[in-house]
Protein backbone atom coordinates (compact mmCIF):
# COMPACT_ATOMS: atom_id res chain seq x y z
CA UNK A 1 -93.92 -102.82 -151.41
CA UNK A 2 -95.71 -100.53 -149.18
CA UNK A 3 -97.98 -103.39 -148.20
CA UNK A 4 -95.12 -105.45 -146.90
CA UNK A 5 -94.06 -102.48 -144.65
CA UNK A 6 -97.59 -102.01 -143.37
CA UNK A 7 -97.80 -105.66 -142.55
CA UNK A 8 -94.49 -105.59 -140.78
CA UNK A 9 -95.66 -102.62 -138.75
CA UNK A 10 -98.82 -104.43 -137.79
CA UNK A 11 -96.92 -107.52 -136.87
CA UNK A 12 -94.83 -105.38 -134.62
CA UNK A 13 -97.90 -104.05 -133.01
CA UNK A 14 -99.26 -107.52 -132.59
CA UNK A 15 -96.03 -108.58 -130.84
CA UNK A 16 -96.40 -105.58 -128.49
CA UNK A 17 -99.95 -106.56 -127.83
CA UNK A 18 -98.89 -110.17 -127.03
CA UNK A 19 -96.38 -108.81 -124.55
CA UNK A 20 -99.04 -106.70 -122.77
CA UNK A 21 -101.48 -109.82 -122.79
CA UNK A 22 -98.88 -111.93 -120.98
CA UNK A 23 -98.49 -109.12 -118.30
CA UNK A 24 -102.27 -108.88 -117.98
CA UNK A 25 -102.57 -112.75 -117.53
CA UNK A 26 -99.63 -112.76 -115.06
CA UNK A 27 -101.54 -110.23 -112.95
CA UNK A 28 -104.93 -111.98 -112.96
CA UNK A 29 -105.24 -114.38 -110.01
CA UNK A 30 -107.83 -116.97 -109.45
CA UNK A 31 -108.45 -118.44 -105.92
CA UNK A 32 -110.54 -121.63 -105.37
CA UNK A 33 -111.18 -123.58 -102.35
CA UNK A 34 -112.71 -126.96 -101.41
CA UNK A 35 -116.35 -126.90 -100.30
CA UNK A 36 -115.39 -127.18 -96.78
CA UNK A 37 -112.78 -124.51 -97.04
CA UNK A 38 -109.96 -126.66 -95.82
CA UNK A 39 -107.91 -126.46 -98.98
CA UNK A 40 -107.26 -123.37 -101.12
CA UNK A 41 -105.08 -122.76 -104.17
CA UNK A 42 -104.29 -119.58 -106.13
CA UNK A 43 -103.27 -119.67 -109.78
CA UNK A 44 -102.43 -116.80 -111.98
CA UNK A 45 -103.53 -116.30 -115.69
CA UNK A 46 -100.43 -118.03 -116.99
CA UNK A 47 -101.47 -121.20 -115.16
CA UNK A 48 -98.75 -120.87 -112.62
CA UNK A 49 -99.63 -122.27 -109.11
CA UNK A 50 -98.94 -119.43 -106.70
CA UNK A 51 -100.21 -120.69 -103.40
CA UNK A 52 -101.52 -123.73 -101.59
CA UNK A 53 -103.21 -123.61 -98.20
CA UNK A 54 -104.11 -126.89 -96.44
CA UNK A 55 -105.77 -126.97 -93.04
CA UNK A 56 -103.72 -128.97 -90.47
CA UNK A 57 -106.55 -131.31 -89.75
CA UNK A 58 -106.23 -132.60 -93.44
CA UNK A 59 -102.62 -133.47 -92.86
CA UNK A 60 -102.94 -137.03 -91.56
CA UNK A 61 -102.32 -140.29 -93.41
CA UNK A 62 -105.91 -141.35 -93.45
CA UNK A 63 -106.71 -138.15 -95.38
CA UNK A 64 -104.15 -138.87 -98.11
CA UNK A 65 -106.72 -139.91 -100.73
CA UNK A 66 -109.16 -137.21 -99.82
CA UNK A 67 -106.47 -134.55 -100.08
CA UNK A 68 -105.11 -135.90 -103.32
CA UNK A 69 -108.60 -135.92 -104.87
CA UNK A 70 -109.48 -132.42 -103.43
CA UNK A 71 -106.24 -130.98 -104.88
CA UNK A 72 -106.88 -132.38 -108.35
CA UNK A 73 -110.44 -131.07 -108.32
CA UNK A 74 -109.32 -127.70 -107.22
CA UNK A 75 -106.65 -127.53 -110.03
CA UNK A 76 -109.28 -128.43 -112.52
CA UNK A 77 -111.66 -125.77 -111.32
CA UNK A 78 -108.87 -123.15 -111.35
CA UNK A 79 -107.98 -124.11 -114.86
CA UNK A 80 -111.53 -123.58 -115.98
CA UNK A 81 -111.61 -120.24 -114.27
CA UNK A 82 -108.33 -119.15 -115.86
CA UNK A 83 -109.63 -120.25 -119.32
CA UNK A 84 -112.64 -117.95 -118.80
CA UNK A 85 -110.20 -115.01 -117.84
CA UNK A 86 -107.98 -115.85 -121.04
CA UNK A 87 -111.11 -115.80 -123.26
CA UNK A 88 -112.26 -112.55 -121.67
CA UNK A 89 -108.87 -110.83 -122.03
CA UNK A 90 -108.54 -112.16 -125.54
CA UNK A 91 -111.83 -110.71 -126.47
CA UNK A 92 -110.80 -107.35 -124.96
CA UNK A 93 -107.45 -107.51 -126.68
CA UNK A 94 -108.85 -108.31 -130.11
CA UNK A 95 -111.09 -105.30 -129.85
CA UNK A 96 -108.06 -103.21 -129.61
CA UNK A 97 -106.08 -104.70 -132.57
CA UNK A 98 -108.22 -103.11 -135.32
CA UNK A 99 -107.97 -104.51 -138.80
CA UNK A 100 -105.14 -106.80 -139.28
CA UNK A 101 -104.53 -108.27 -142.75
CA UNK A 102 -104.03 -111.95 -141.24
């Protein structure tokens, strides 16, 4: 019976750590920009798009395809950066969890 209570206690600690982890990720921000610097985006660790900056000279009809392609590439780069941040924070967090039975 004591094992069940210990496991419940550890599960509560895990839940608390998960909440802290979410806060940490929310606070981590990744900014990526196009090679020419004309387009920039910011994304937080929860994969929420926070900011888009597009140079005015990109806002012409003839740039539509270039702009769409650049935004897609930036989003993909930002996702990869955030994945690295998540891995780093997960590694840090798991080091703090100690010995869990599951």
